[in-house]
Amino acid sequence: MALSRLAREFAAEIKHHDWSDAPFRFDRAGHDRATDTNRGNQVLTPDETRGVQTNVMWVVAQVLRHADPNLDVYEFAEACGIPTHTNSGARNRGIEYGLRWASHADGTVTRPGTHEPPFE
């Protein structure tokens, strides 16, 4: 299934941004330490950087999935630059479990900003 235009654009921004110093500075979208003349000395390890990027992906995916129940969270994660398979090649189920599901059986997630079901 193809991602919506909005999902593709969010994914492009998440993938494009350099998350390695995200906790240490406020920055513009699309920050890249390689070309930044005002970069600091504090940076995250690659694993810590992946953690920040993955959490950002989950926050955005929560809202996108609520708006569009057809969002494929694995496709979105891949578009964000997040690996979706384990070292053995199996699908990483942690990707989908990063969302707050109202009912995993029917694919609904909680309303953004709550732990409440998606219906009013």
PDB file of N, CA and C in Angstrom:
ATOM      1  N   MET A   1       0.843  -1.172   0.000  1.00  0.00           N
ATOM      2  CA  MET A   1       0.000   0.000   0.000  1.00  0.00           C
ATOM      3  C   MET A   1       0.894   1.243   0.000  1.00  0.00           C
ATOM      4  N   ALA A   2       0.548   2.191  -0.808  1.00  0.00           N
ATOM      5  CA  ALA A   2       1.330   3.426  -0.900  1.00  0.00           C
ATOM      6  C   ALA A   2       0.974   4.363   0.249  1.00  0.00           C
ATOM      7  N   LEU A   3       1.970   5.034   0.771  1.00  0.00           N
ATOM      8  CA  LEU A   3       1.739   6.023   1.816  1.00  0.00           C
ATOM      9  C   LEU A   3       1.017   7.229   1.235  1.00  0.00           C
ATOM     10  N   SER A   4       0.227   7.882   2.063  1.00  0.00           N
ATOM     11  CA  SER A   4      -0.418   9.121   1.642  1.00  0.00           C
ATOM     12  C   SER A   4       0.647  10.195   1.442  1.00  0.00           C
ATOM     13  N   ARG A   5       0.280  11.245   0.757  1.00  0.00           N
ATOM     14  CA  ARG A   5       1.220  12.350   0.546  1.00  0.00           C
ATOM     15  C   ARG A   5       1.696  12.906   1.882  1.00  0.00           C
ATOM     16  N   LEU A   6       0.782  13.092   2.824  1.00  0.00           N
ATOM     17  CA  LEU A   6       1.150  13.637   4.123  1.00  0.00           C
ATOM     18  C   LEU A   6       2.129  12.702   4.849  1.00  0.00           C
ATOM     19  N   ALA A   7       1.861  11.416   4.835  1.00  0.00           N
ATOM     20  CA  ALA A   7       2.759  10.444   5.476  1.00  0.00           C
ATOM     21  C   ALA A   7       4.130  10.455   4.806  1.00  0.00           C
ATOM     22  N   ARG A   8       4.173  10.519   3.482  1.00  0.00           N
ATOM     23  CA  ARG A   8       5.460  10.577   2.765  1.00  0.00           C
ATOM     24  C   ARG A   8       6.248  11.823   3.154  1.00  0.00           C
ATOM     25  N   GLU A   9       5.549  12.957   3.298  1.00  0.00           N
ATOM     26  CA  GLU A   9       6.229  14.204   3.636  1.00  0.00           C
ATOM     27  C   GLU A   9       6.743  14.191   5.077  1.00  0.00           C
ATOM     28  N   PHE A  10       5.947  13.663   6.013  1.00  0.00           N
ATOM     29  CA  PHE A  10       6.433  13.520   7.389  1.00  0.00           C
ATOM     30  C   PHE A  10       7.651  12.603   7.421  1.00  0.00           C
ATOM     31  N   ALA A  11       7.570  11.482   6.729  1.00  0.00           N
ATOM     32  CA  ALA A  11       8.683  10.521   6.701  1.00  0.00           C
ATOM     33  C   ALA A  11       9.942  11.147   6.122  1.00  0.00           C
ATOM     34  N   ALA A  12       9.784  11.924   5.071  1.00  0.00           N
ATOM     35  CA  ALA A  12      10.953  12.570   4.457  1.00  0.00           C
ATOM     36  C   ALA A  12      11.636  13.515   5.438  1.00  0.00           C
ATOM     37  N   GLU A  13      10.848  14.273   6.201  1.00  0.00           N
ATOM     38  CA  GLU A  13      11.427  15.186   7.193  1.00  0.00           C
ATOM     39  C   GLU A  13      12.125  14.422   8.312  1.00  0.00           C
ATOM     40  N   ILE A  14      11.496  13.359   8.792  1.00  0.00           N
ATOM     41  CA  ILE A  14      12.093  12.560   9.871  1.00  0.00           C
ATOM     42  C   ILE A  14      13.384  11.920   9.403  1.00  0.00           C
ATOM     43  N   LYS A  15      13.391  11.397   8.195  1.00  0.00           N
ATOM     44  CA  LYS A  15      14.589  10.740   7.661  1.00  0.00           C
ATOM     45  C   LYS A  15      15.699  11.757   7.390  1.00  0.00           C
ATOM     46  N   HIS A  16      15.341  12.922   6.913  1.00  0.00           N
ATOM     47  CA  HIS A  16      16.312  13.930   6.495  1.00  0.00           C
ATOM     48  C   HIS A  16      17.023  14.602   7.670  1.00  0.00           C
ATOM     49  N   HIS A  17      16.351  14.722   8.801  1.00  0.00           N
ATOM     50  CA  HIS A  17      16.901  15.455   9.946  1.00  0.00           C
ATOM     51  C   HIS A  17      18.039  14.677  10.605  1.00  0.00           C
ATOM     52  N   ASP A  18      19.066  15.380  11.036  1.00  0.00           N
ATOM     53  CA  ASP A  18      20.176  14.780  11.786  1.00  0.00           C
ATOM     54  C   ASP A  18      19.791  14.796  13.262  1.00  0.00           C
ATOM     55  N   TRP A  19      19.442  13.635  13.804  1.00  0.00           N
ATOM     56  CA  TRP A  19      18.944  13.534  15.172  1.00  0.00           C
ATOM     57  C   TRP A  19      20.061  13.387  16.205  1.00  0.00           C
ATOM     58  N   SER A  20      21.313  13.359  15.786  1.00  0.00           N
ATOM     59  CA  SER A  20      22.423  13.028  16.685  1.00  0.00           C
ATOM     60  C   SER A  20      22.647  14.030  17.812  1.00  0.00           C
ATOM     61  N   ASP A  21      22.173  15.247  17.653  1.00  0.00           N
ATOM     62  CA  ASP A  21      22.327  16.215  18.745  1.00  0.00           C
ATOM     63  C   ASP A  21      20.989  16.838  19.141  1.00  0.00           C
ATOM     64  N   ALA A  22      19.910  16.176  18.816  1.00  0.00           N
ATOM     65  CA  ALA A  22      18.564  16.693  19.069  1.00  0.00           C
ATOM     66  C   ALA A  22      18.295  17.083  20.529  1.00  0.00           C
ATOM     67  N   PRO A  23      18.768  16.316  21.527  1.00  0.00           N
ATOM     68  CA  PRO A  23      18.457  16.708  22.908  1.00  0.00           C
ATOM     69  C   PRO A  23      19.240  17.922  23.405  1.00  0.00           C
ATOM     70  N   PHE A  24      20.238  18.341  22.659  1.00  0.00           N
ATOM     71  CA  PHE A  24      21.149  19.365  23.149  1.00  0.00           C
ATOM     72  C   PHE A  24      20.943  20.737  22.525  1.00  0.00           C
ATOM     73  N   ARG A  25      20.011  20.855  21.574  1.00  0.00           N
ATOM     74  CA  ARG A  25      19.831  22.147  20.916  1.00  0.00           C
ATOM     75  C   ARG A  25      18.465  22.236  20.257  1.00  0.00           C
ATOM     76  N   PHE A  26      17.982  23.438  20.142  1.00  0.00           N
ATOM     77  CA  PHE A  26      16.805  23.702  19.329  1.00  0.00           C
ATOM     78  C   PHE A  26      17.332  23.956  17.932  1.00  0.00           C
ATOM     79  N   ASP A  27      16.648  23.429  16.952  1.00  0.00           N
ATOM     80  CA  ASP A  27      17.193  23.523  15.610  1.00  0.00           C
ATOM     81  C   ASP A  27      16.090  23.592  14.572  1.00  0.00           C
ATOM     82  N   ARG A  28      16.475  23.978  13.423  1.00  0.00           N
ATOM     83  CA  ARG A  28      15.524  24.057  12.322  1.00  0.00           C
ATOM     84  C   ARG A  28      15.274  22.671  11.744  1.00  0.00           C
ATOM     85  N   ALA A  29      14.213  22.543  10.970  1.00  0.00           N
ATOM     86  CA  ALA A  29      13.934  21.281  10.299  1.00  0.00           C
ATOM     87  C   ALA A  29      15.034  20.988   9.290  1.00  0.00           C
ATOM     88  N   GLY A  30      15.394  19.752   9.185  1.00  0.00           N
ATOM     89  CA  GLY A  30      16.405  19.361   8.215  1.00  0.00           C
ATOM     90  C   GLY A  30      17.820  19.649   8.652  1.00  0.00           C
ATOM     91  N   HIS A  31      18.048  19.804   9.934  1.00  0.00           N
ATOM     92  CA  HIS A  31      19.393  20.056  10.465  1.00  0.00           C
ATOM     93  C   HIS A  31      20.360  18.969   9.999  1.00  0.00           C
ATOM     94  N   ASP A  32      21.568  19.369   9.660  1.00  0.00           N
ATOM     95  CA  ASP A  32      22.622  18.434   9.238  1.00  0.00           C
ATOM     96  C   ASP A  32      23.938  18.920   9.837  1.00  0.00           C
ATOM     97  N   ARG A  33      24.468  18.169  10.798  1.00  0.00           N
ATOM     98  CA  ARG A  33      25.708  18.575  11.469  1.00  0.00           C
ATOM     99  C   ARG A  33      26.863  18.731  10.491  1.00  0.00           C
ATOM    100  N   ALA A  34      26.851  17.980   9.413  1.00  0.00           N
ATOM    101  CA  ALA A  34      27.956  18.039   8.451  1.00  0.00           C
ATOM    102  C   ALA A  34      28.082  19.416   7.808  1.00  0.00           C
ATOM    103  N   THR A  35      26.976  20.140   7.687  1.00  0.00           N
ATOM    104  CA  THR A  35      27.017  21.449   7.040  1.00  0.00           C
ATOM    105  C   THR A  35      26.735  22.593   8.010  1.00  0.00           C
ATOM    106  N   ASP A  36      26.515  22.285   9.278  1.00  0.00           N
ATOM    107  CA  ASP A  36      26.195  23.290  10.288  1.00  0.00           C
ATOM    108  C   ASP A  36      27.481  23.946  10.784  1.00  0.00           C
ATOM    109  N   THR A  37      27.561  25.260  10.677  1.00  0.00           N
ATOM    110  CA  THR A  37      28.751  25.975  11.146  1.00  0.00           C
ATOM    111  C   THR A  37      28.674  26.273  12.644  1.00  0.00           C
ATOM    112  N   ASN A  38      27.532  26.016  13.260  1.00  0.00           N
ATOM    113  CA  ASN A  38      27.338  26.308  14.677  1.00  0.00           C
ATOM    114  C   ASN A  38      27.063  25.023  15.462  1.00  0.00           C
ATOM    115  N   ARG A  39      27.718  23.940  15.085  1.00  0.00           N
ATOM    116  CA  ARG A  39      27.438  22.677  15.765  1.00  0.00           C
ATOM    117  C   ARG A  39      28.171  22.613  17.100  1.00  0.00           C
ATOM    118  N   GLY A  40      27.529  21.984  18.062  1.00  0.00           N
ATOM    119  CA  GLY A  40      28.116  21.819  19.384  1.00  0.00           C
ATOM    120  C   GLY A  40      28.953  20.552  19.453  1.00  0.00           C
ATOM    121  N   ASN A  41      29.473  20.279  20.632  1.00  0.00           N
ATOM    122  CA  ASN A  41      30.310  19.111  20.832  1.00  0.00           C
ATOM    123  C   ASN A  41      29.536  17.899  21.323  1.00  0.00           C
ATOM    124  N   GLN A  42      28.337  18.107  21.861  1.00  0.00           N
ATOM    125  CA  GLN A  42      27.567  16.994  22.402  1.00  0.00           C
ATOM    126  C   GLN A  42      26.812  16.280  21.297  1.00  0.00           C
ATOM    127  N   VAL A  43      27.025  14.976  21.206  1.00  0.00           N
ATOM    128  CA  VAL A  43      26.269  14.163  20.245  1.00  0.00           C
ATOM    129  C   VAL A  43      25.894  12.841  20.897  1.00  0.00           C
ATOM    130  N   LEU A  44      24.831  12.273  20.426  1.00  0.00           N
ATOM    131  CA  LEU A  44      24.373  10.964  20.880  1.00  0.00           C
ATOM    132  C   LEU A  44      25.159   9.863  20.188  1.00  0.00           C
ATOM    133  N   THR A  45      25.162   8.689  20.778  1.00  0.00           N
ATOM    134  CA  THR A  45      25.724   7.526  20.103  1.00  0.00           C
ATOM    135  C   THR A  45      24.778   7.155  18.964  1.00  0.00           C
ATOM    136  N   PRO A  46      25.220   6.336  18.023  1.00  0.00           N
ATOM    137  CA  PRO A  46      24.304   5.903  16.954  1.00  0.00           C
ATOM    138  C   PRO A  46      23.036   5.219  17.483  1.00  0.00           C
ATOM    139  N   ASP A  47      23.149   4.403  18.539  1.00  0.00           N
ATOM    140  CA  ASP A  47      21.962   3.750  19.109  1.00  0.00           C
ATOM    141  C   ASP A  47      21.023   4.768  19.749  1.00  0.00           C
ATOM    142  N   GLU A  48      21.573   5.749  20.458  1.00  0.00           N
ATOM    143  CA  GLU A  48      20.750   6.792  21.063  1.00  0.00           C
ATOM    144  C   GLU A  48      20.070   7.630  19.987  1.00  0.00           C
ATOM    145  N   THR A  49      20.800   7.922  18.936  1.00  0.00           N
ATOM    146  CA  THR A  49      20.236   8.687  17.818  1.00  0.00           C
ATOM    147  C   THR A  49      19.071   7.934  17.191  1.00  0.00           C
ATOM    148  N   ARG A  50      19.249   6.631  16.973  1.00  0.00           N
ATOM    149  CA  ARG A  50      18.172   5.800  16.405  1.00  0.00           C
ATOM    150  C   ARG A  50      16.969   5.788  17.339  1.00  0.00           C
ATOM    151  N   GLY A  51      17.209   5.825  18.653  1.00  0.00           N
ATOM    152  CA  GLY A  51      16.109   5.856  19.612  1.00  0.00           C
ATOM    153  C   GLY A  51      15.284   7.116  19.499  1.00  0.00           C
ATOM    154  N   VAL A  52      15.946   8.258  19.373  1.00  0.00           N
ATOM    155  CA  VAL A  52      15.227   9.524  19.204  1.00  0.00           C
ATOM    156  C   VAL A  52      14.430   9.499  17.899  1.00  0.00           C
ATOM    157  N   GLN A  53      15.073   9.084  16.834  1.00  0.00           N
ATOM    158  CA  GLN A  53      14.412   9.046  15.525  1.00  0.00           C
ATOM    159  C   GLN A  53      13.212   8.095  15.546  1.00  0.00           C
ATOM    160  N   THR A  54      13.366   6.950  16.185  1.00  0.00           N
ATOM    161  CA  THR A  54      12.271   5.974  16.255  1.00  0.00           C
ATOM    162  C   THR A  54      11.108   6.528  17.067  1.00  0.00           C
ATOM    163  N   ASN A  55      11.394   7.190  18.184  1.00  0.00           N
ATOM    164  CA  ASN A  55      10.323   7.781  18.984  1.00  0.00           C
ATOM    165  C   ASN A  55       9.575   8.862  18.214  1.00  0.00           C
ATOM    166  N   VAL A  56      10.291   9.669  17.457  1.00  0.00           N
ATOM    167  CA  VAL A  56       9.637  10.685  16.621  1.00  0.00           C
ATOM    168  C   VAL A  56       8.740   9.997  15.594  1.00  0.00           C
ATOM    169  N   MET A  57       9.239   8.934  14.980  1.00  0.00           N
ATOM    170  CA  MET A  57       8.442   8.186  14.000  1.00  0.00           C
ATOM    171  C   MET A  57       7.160   7.671  14.644  1.00  0.00           C
ATOM    172  N   TRP A  58       7.244   7.101  15.868  1.00  0.00           N
ATOM    173  CA  TRP A  58       6.055   6.574  16.539  1.00  0.00           C
ATOM    174  C   TRP A  58       5.045   7.665  16.866  1.00  0.00           C
ATOM    175  N   VAL A  59       5.505   8.826  17.317  1.00  0.00           N
ATOM    176  CA  VAL A  59       4.589   9.922  17.645  1.00  0.00           C
ATOM    177  C   VAL A  59       3.815  10.356  16.400  1.00  0.00           C
ATOM    178  N   VAL A  60       4.518  10.521  15.305  1.00  0.00           N
ATOM    179  CA  VAL A  60       3.869  10.933  14.061  1.00  0.00           C
ATOM    180  C   VAL A  60       2.970   9.810  13.543  1.00  0.00           C
ATOM    181  N   ALA A  61       3.430   8.569  13.612  1.00  0.00           N
ATOM    182  CA  ALA A  61       2.629   7.429  13.136  1.00  0.00           C
ATOM    183  C   ALA A  61       1.342   7.286  13.935  1.00  0.00           C
ATOM    184  N   GLN A  62       1.379   7.606  15.235  1.00  0.00           N
ATOM    185  CA  GLN A  62       0.166   7.520  16.060  1.00  0.00           C
ATOM    186  C   GLN A  62      -0.923   8.426  15.485  1.00  0.00           C
ATOM    187  N   VAL A  63      -0.557   9.650  15.162  1.00  0.00           N
ATOM    188  CA  VAL A  63      -1.530  10.609  14.632  1.00  0.00           C
ATOM    189  C   VAL A  63      -1.965  10.195  13.220  1.00  0.00           C
ATOM    190  N   LEU A  64      -1.002   9.799  12.391  1.00  0.00           N
ATOM    191  CA  LEU A  64      -1.344   9.403  11.024  1.00  0.00           C
ATOM    192  C   LEU A  64      -2.253   8.183  11.007  1.00  0.00           C
ATOM    193  N   ARG A  65      -1.980   7.201  11.862  1.00  0.00           N
ATOM    194  CA  ARG A  65      -2.806   5.984  11.898  1.00  0.00           C
ATOM    195  C   ARG A  65      -4.209   6.306  12.399  1.00  0.00           C
ATOM    196  N   HIS A  66      -4.307   7.231  13.354  1.00  0.00           N
ATOM    197  CA  HIS A  66      -5.627   7.641  13.832  1.00  0.00           C
ATOM    198  C   HIS A  66      -6.420   8.306  12.710  1.00  0.00           C
ATOM    199  N   ALA A  67      -5.754   9.137  11.924  1.00  0.00           N
ATOM    200  CA  ALA A  67      -6.411   9.830  10.810  1.00  0.00           C
ATOM    201  C   ALA A  67      -6.692   8.897   9.641  1.00  0.00           C
ATOM    202  N   ASP A  68      -5.825   7.908   9.446  1.00  0.00           N
ATOM    203  CA  ASP A  68      -5.958   6.984   8.318  1.00  0.00           C
ATOM    204  C   ASP A  68      -5.694   5.557   8.800  1.00  0.00           C
ATOM    205  N   PRO A  69      -6.757   4.805   9.094  1.00  0.00           N
ATOM    206  CA  PRO A  69      -6.583   3.447   9.615  1.00  0.00           C
ATOM    207  C   PRO A  69      -5.861   2.501   8.649  1.00  0.00           C
ATOM    208  N   ASN A  70      -5.657   2.940   7.425  1.00  0.00           N
ATOM    209  CA  ASN A  70      -4.950   2.102   6.451  1.00  0.00           C
ATOM    210  C   ASN A  70      -3.438   2.336   6.456  1.00  0.00           C
ATOM    211  N   LEU A  71      -2.945   3.261   7.292  1.00  0.00           N
ATOM    212  CA  LEU A  71      -1.509   3.517   7.341  1.00  0.00           C
ATOM    213  C   LEU A  71      -0.778   2.232   7.705  1.00  0.00           C
ATOM    214  N   ASP A  72       0.195   1.870   6.914  1.00  0.00           N
ATOM    215  CA  ASP A  72       1.067   0.731   7.205  1.00  0.00           C
ATOM    216  C   ASP A  72       2.255   1.261   7.988  1.00  0.00           C
ATOM    217  N   VAL A  73       2.297   0.976   9.284  1.00  0.00           N
ATOM    218  CA  VAL A  73       3.335   1.535  10.147  1.00  0.00           C
ATOM    219  C   VAL A  73       4.724   1.045   9.740  1.00  0.00           C
ATOM    220  N   TYR A  74       4.826  -0.160   9.185  1.00  0.00           N
ATOM    221  CA  TYR A  74       6.127  -0.662   8.722  1.00  0.00           C
ATOM    222  C   TYR A  74       6.609   0.120   7.502  1.00  0.00           C
ATOM    223  N   GLU A  75       5.714   0.368   6.574  1.00  0.00           N
ATOM    224  CA  GLU A  75       6.073   1.150   5.391  1.00  0.00           C
ATOM    225  C   GLU A  75       6.473   2.567   5.803  1.00  0.00           C
ATOM    226  N   PHE A  76       5.730   3.148   6.752  1.00  0.00           N
ATOM    227  CA  PHE A  76       6.054   4.481   7.230  1.00  0.00           C
ATOM    228  C   PHE A  76       7.416   4.487   7.924  1.00  0.00           C
ATOM    229  N   ALA A  77       7.667   3.511   8.788  1.00  0.00           N
ATOM    230  CA  ALA A  77       8.957   3.427   9.489  1.00  0.00           C
ATOM    231  C   ALA A  77      10.110   3.333   8.492  1.00  0.00           C
ATOM    232  N   GLU A  78       9.963   2.485   7.485  1.00  0.00           N
ATOM    233  CA  GLU A  78      11.012   2.349   6.468  1.00  0.00           C
ATOM    234  C   GLU A  78      11.245   3.665   5.749  1.00  0.00           C
ATOM    235  N   ALA A  79      10.152   4.372   5.417  1.00  0.00           N
ATOM    236  CA  ALA A  79      10.286   5.657   4.732  1.00  0.00           C
ATOM    237  C   ALA A  79      10.986   6.688   5.626  1.00  0.00           C
ATOM    238  N   CYS A  80      10.874   6.521   6.954  1.00  0.00           N
ATOM    239  CA  CYS A  80      11.549   7.408   7.911  1.00  0.00           C
ATOM    240  C   CYS A  80      13.014   7.024   8.109  1.00  0.00           C
ATOM    241  N   GLY A  81      13.431   5.913   7.527  1.00  0.00           N
ATOM    242  CA  GLY A  81      14.806   5.452   7.687  1.00  0.00           C
ATOM    243  C   GLY A  81      15.003   4.538   8.885  1.00  0.00           C
ATOM    244  N   ILE A  82      13.923   4.000   9.441  1.00  0.00           N
ATOM    245  CA  ILE A  82      13.983   3.110  10.598  1.00  0.00           C
ATOM    246  C   ILE A  82      14.000   1.662  10.106  1.00  0.00           C
ATOM    247  N   PRO A  83      14.971   0.873  10.534  1.00  0.00           N
ATOM    248  CA  PRO A  83      14.971  -0.544  10.146  1.00  0.00           C
ATOM    249  C   PRO A  83      13.734  -1.254  10.702  1.00  0.00           C
ATOM    250  N   THR A  84      13.123  -2.102   9.899  1.00  0.00           N
ATOM    251  CA  THR A  84      11.895  -2.782  10.316  1.00  0.00           C
ATOM    252  C   THR A  84      12.063  -4.293  10.433  1.00  0.00           C
ATOM    253  N   HIS A  85      13.291  -4.766  10.311  1.00  0.00           N
ATOM    254  CA  HIS A  85      13.543  -6.205  10.438  1.00  0.00           C
ATOM    255  C   HIS A  85      14.631  -6.455  11.477  1.00  0.00           C
ATOM    256  N   THR A  86      14.558  -7.604  12.116  1.00  0.00           N
ATOM    257  CA  THR A  86      15.568  -7.994  13.093  1.00  0.00           C
ATOM    258  C   THR A  86      16.817  -8.456  12.363  1.00  0.00           C
ATOM    259  N   ASN A  87      17.879  -8.708  13.119  1.00  0.00           N
ATOM    260  CA  ASN A  87      19.127  -9.198  12.513  1.00  0.00           C
ATOM    261  C   ASN A  87      18.932 -10.519  11.790  1.00  0.00           C
ATOM    262  N   SER A  88      17.971 -11.321  12.226  1.00  0.00           N
ATOM    263  CA  SER A  88      17.722 -12.610  11.574  1.00  0.00           C
ATOM    264  C   SER A  88      16.842 -12.457  10.334  1.00  0.00           C
ATOM    265  N   GLY A  89      16.355 -11.239  10.068  1.00  0.00           N
ATOM    266  CA  GLY A  89      15.547 -10.996   8.874  1.00  0.00           C
ATOM    267  C   GLY A  89      14.051 -11.023   9.112  1.00  0.00           C
ATOM    268  N   ALA A  90      13.629 -11.357  10.337  1.00  0.00           N
ATOM    269  CA  ALA A  90      12.201 -11.376  10.648  1.00  0.00           C
ATOM    270  C   ALA A  90      11.689  -9.950  10.818  1.00  0.00           C
ATOM    271  N   ARG A  91      10.407  -9.770  10.601  1.00  0.00           N
ATOM    272  CA  ARG A  91       9.789  -8.458  10.811  1.00  0.00           C
ATOM    273  C   ARG A  91       9.862  -8.113  12.289  1.00  0.00           C
ATOM    274  N   ASN A  92      10.309  -6.904  12.605  1.00  0.00           N
ATOM    275  CA  ASN A  92      10.441  -6.444  13.986  1.00  0.00           C
ATOM    276  C   ASN A  92       9.067  -6.006  14.488  1.00  0.00           C
ATOM    277  N   ARG A  93       8.432  -6.839  15.281  1.00  0.00           N
ATOM    278  CA  ARG A  93       7.080  -6.551  15.786  1.00  0.00           C
ATOM    279  C   ARG A  93       7.078  -5.338  16.708  1.00  0.00           C
ATOM    280  N   GLY A  94       8.245  -4.953  17.239  1.00  0.00           N
ATOM    281  CA  GLY A  94       8.327  -3.766  18.077  1.00  0.00           C
ATOM    282  C   GLY A  94       7.897  -2.506  17.350  1.00  0.00           C
ATOM    283  N   ILE A  95       8.025  -2.496  16.029  1.00  0.00           N
ATOM    284  CA  ILE A  95       7.594  -1.331  15.238  1.00  0.00           C
ATOM    285  C   ILE A  95       6.117  -1.062  15.471  1.00  0.00           C
ATOM    286  N   GLU A  96       5.278  -2.080  15.319  1.00  0.00           N
ATOM    287  CA  GLU A  96       3.838  -1.869  15.491  1.00  0.00           C
ATOM    288  C   GLU A  96       3.457  -1.680  16.956  1.00  0.00           C
ATOM    289  N   TYR A  97       4.202  -2.303  17.867  1.00  0.00           N
ATOM    290  CA  TYR A  97       3.861  -2.188  19.281  1.00  0.00           C
ATOM    291  C   TYR A  97       4.297  -0.857  19.879  1.00  0.00           C
ATOM    292  N   GLY A  98       4.944  -0.015  19.113  1.00  0.00           N
ATOM    293  CA  GLY A  98       5.274   1.329  19.560  1.00  0.00           C
ATOM    294  C   GLY A  98       4.081   2.268  19.513  1.00  0.00           C
ATOM    295  N   LEU A  99       3.002   1.850  18.853  1.00  0.00           N
ATOM    296  CA  LEU A  99       1.784   2.656  18.821  1.00  0.00           C
ATOM    297  C   LEU A  99       0.895   2.294  20.008  1.00  0.00           C
ATOM    298  N   ARG A 100       0.008   3.202  20.404  1.00  0.00           N
ATOM    299  CA  ARG A 100      -0.972   2.922  21.453  1.00  0.00           C
ATOM    300  C   ARG A 100      -2.234   2.401  20.784  1.00  0.00           C
ATOM    301  N   TRP A 101      -2.424   1.107  20.853  1.00  0.00           N
ATOM    302  CA  TRP A 101      -3.556   0.477  20.198  1.00  0.00           C
ATOM    303  C   TRP A 101      -4.785   0.494  21.096  1.00  0.00           C
ATOM    304  N   ALA A 102      -5.918   0.901  20.549  1.00  0.00           N
ATOM    305  CA  ALA A 102      -7.192   0.766  21.256  1.00  0.00           C
ATOM    306  C   ALA A 102      -7.642  -0.677  21.121  1.00  0.00           C
ATOM    307  N   SER A 103      -7.482  -1.222  19.924  1.00  0.00           N
ATOM    308  CA  SER A 103      -7.802  -2.624  19.648  1.00  0.00           C
ATOM    309  C   SER A 103      -6.871  -3.093  18.543  1.00  0.00           C
ATOM    310  N   HIS A 104      -5.890  -3.875  18.936  1.00  0.00           N
ATOM    311  CA  HIS A 104      -4.963  -4.400  17.932  1.00  0.00           C
ATOM    312  C   HIS A 104      -5.707  -5.318  16.963  1.00  0.00           C
ATOM    313  N   ALA A 105      -6.745  -5.988  17.454  1.00  0.00           N
ATOM    314  CA  ALA A 105      -7.510  -6.927  16.624  1.00  0.00           C
ATOM    315  C   ALA A 105      -8.153  -6.231  15.430  1.00  0.00           C
ATOM    316  N   ASP A 106      -8.731  -5.038  15.671  1.00  0.00           N
ATOM    317  CA  ASP A 106      -9.370  -4.354  14.538  1.00  0.00           C
ATOM    318  C   ASP A 106      -8.516  -3.217  13.974  1.00  0.00           C
ATOM    319  N   GLY A 107      -7.316  -3.029  14.533  1.00  0.00           N
ATOM    320  CA  GLY A 107      -6.377  -2.062  13.961  1.00  0.00           C
ATOM    321  C   GLY A 107      -6.596  -0.626  14.346  1.00  0.00           C
ATOM    322  N   THR A 108      -7.377  -0.355  15.402  1.00  0.00           N
ATOM    323  CA  THR A 108      -7.604   1.025  15.805  1.00  0.00           C
ATOM    324  C   THR A 108      -6.607   1.445  16.881  1.00  0.00           C
ATOM    325  N   VAL A 109      -6.189   2.686  16.791  1.00  0.00           N
ATOM    326  CA  VAL A 109      -5.284   3.249  17.793  1.00  0.00           C
ATOM    327  C   VAL A 109      -6.048   4.276  18.618  1.00  0.00           C
ATOM    328  N   THR A 110      -5.487   4.608  19.784  1.00  0.00           N
ATOM    329  CA  THR A 110      -6.140   5.598  20.639  1.00  0.00           C
ATOM    330  C   THR A 110      -6.078   6.979  19.991  1.00  0.00           C
ATOM    331  N   ARG A 111      -6.949   7.849  20.458  1.00  0.00           N
ATOM    332  CA  ARG A 111      -6.957   9.221  19.956  1.00  0.00           C
ATOM    333  C   ARG A 111      -5.645   9.905  20.311  1.00  0.00           C
ATOM    334  N   PRO A 112      -5.134  10.743  19.415  1.00  0.00           N
ATOM    335  CA  PRO A 112      -3.892  11.463  19.702  1.00  0.00           C
ATOM    336  C   PRO A 112      -3.983  12.226  21.024  1.00  0.00           C
ATOM    337  N   GLY A 113      -2.934  12.122  21.810  1.00  0.00           N
ATOM    338  CA  GLY A 113      -2.852  12.831  23.072  1.00  0.00           C
ATOM    339  C   GLY A 113      -3.629  12.198  24.206  1.00  0.00           C
ATOM    340  N   THR A 114      -4.180  10.995  23.991  1.00  0.00           N
ATOM    341  CA  THR A 114      -4.971  10.330  25.033  1.00  0.00           C
ATOM    342  C   THR A 114      -4.661   8.837  25.032  1.00  0.00           C
ATOM    343  N   HIS A 115      -5.262   8.169  25.994  1.00  0.00           N
ATOM    344  CA  HIS A 115      -5.281   6.703  26.000  1.00  0.00           C
ATOM    345  C   HIS A 115      -6.720   6.235  25.781  1.00  0.00           C
ATOM    346  N   GLU A 116      -7.518   7.110  25.201  1.00  0.00           N
ATOM    347  CA  GLU A 116      -8.926   6.842  24.977  1.00  0.00           C
ATOM    348  C   GLU A 116      -9.158   6.196  23.620  1.00  0.00           C
ATOM    349  N   PRO A 117     -10.224   5.412  23.498  1.00  0.00           N
ATOM    350  CA  PRO A 117     -10.552   4.814  22.199  1.00  0.00           C
ATOM    351  C   PRO A 117     -10.771   5.892  21.133  1.00  0.00           C
ATOM    352  N   PRO A 118     -10.676   5.504  19.870  1.00  0.00           N
ATOM    353  CA  PRO A 118     -10.763   6.488  18.783  1.00  0.00           C
ATOM    354  C   PRO A 118     -12.150   7.049  18.543  1.00  0.00           C
ATOM    355  N   PHE A 119     -13.179   6.457  19.101  1.00  0.00           N
ATOM    356  CA  PHE A 119     -14.544   6.914  18.836  1.00  0.00           C
ATOM    357  C   PHE A 119     -14.946   7.944  19.877  1.00  0.00           C
ATOM    358  N   GLU A 120     -15.856   8.799  19.501  1.00  0.00           N
ATOM    359  CA  GLU A 120     -16.281   9.903  20.374  1.00  0.00           C
ATOM    360  C   GLU A 120     -17.352   9.436  21.325  1.00  0.00           C
TER     361      GLU A 120
END
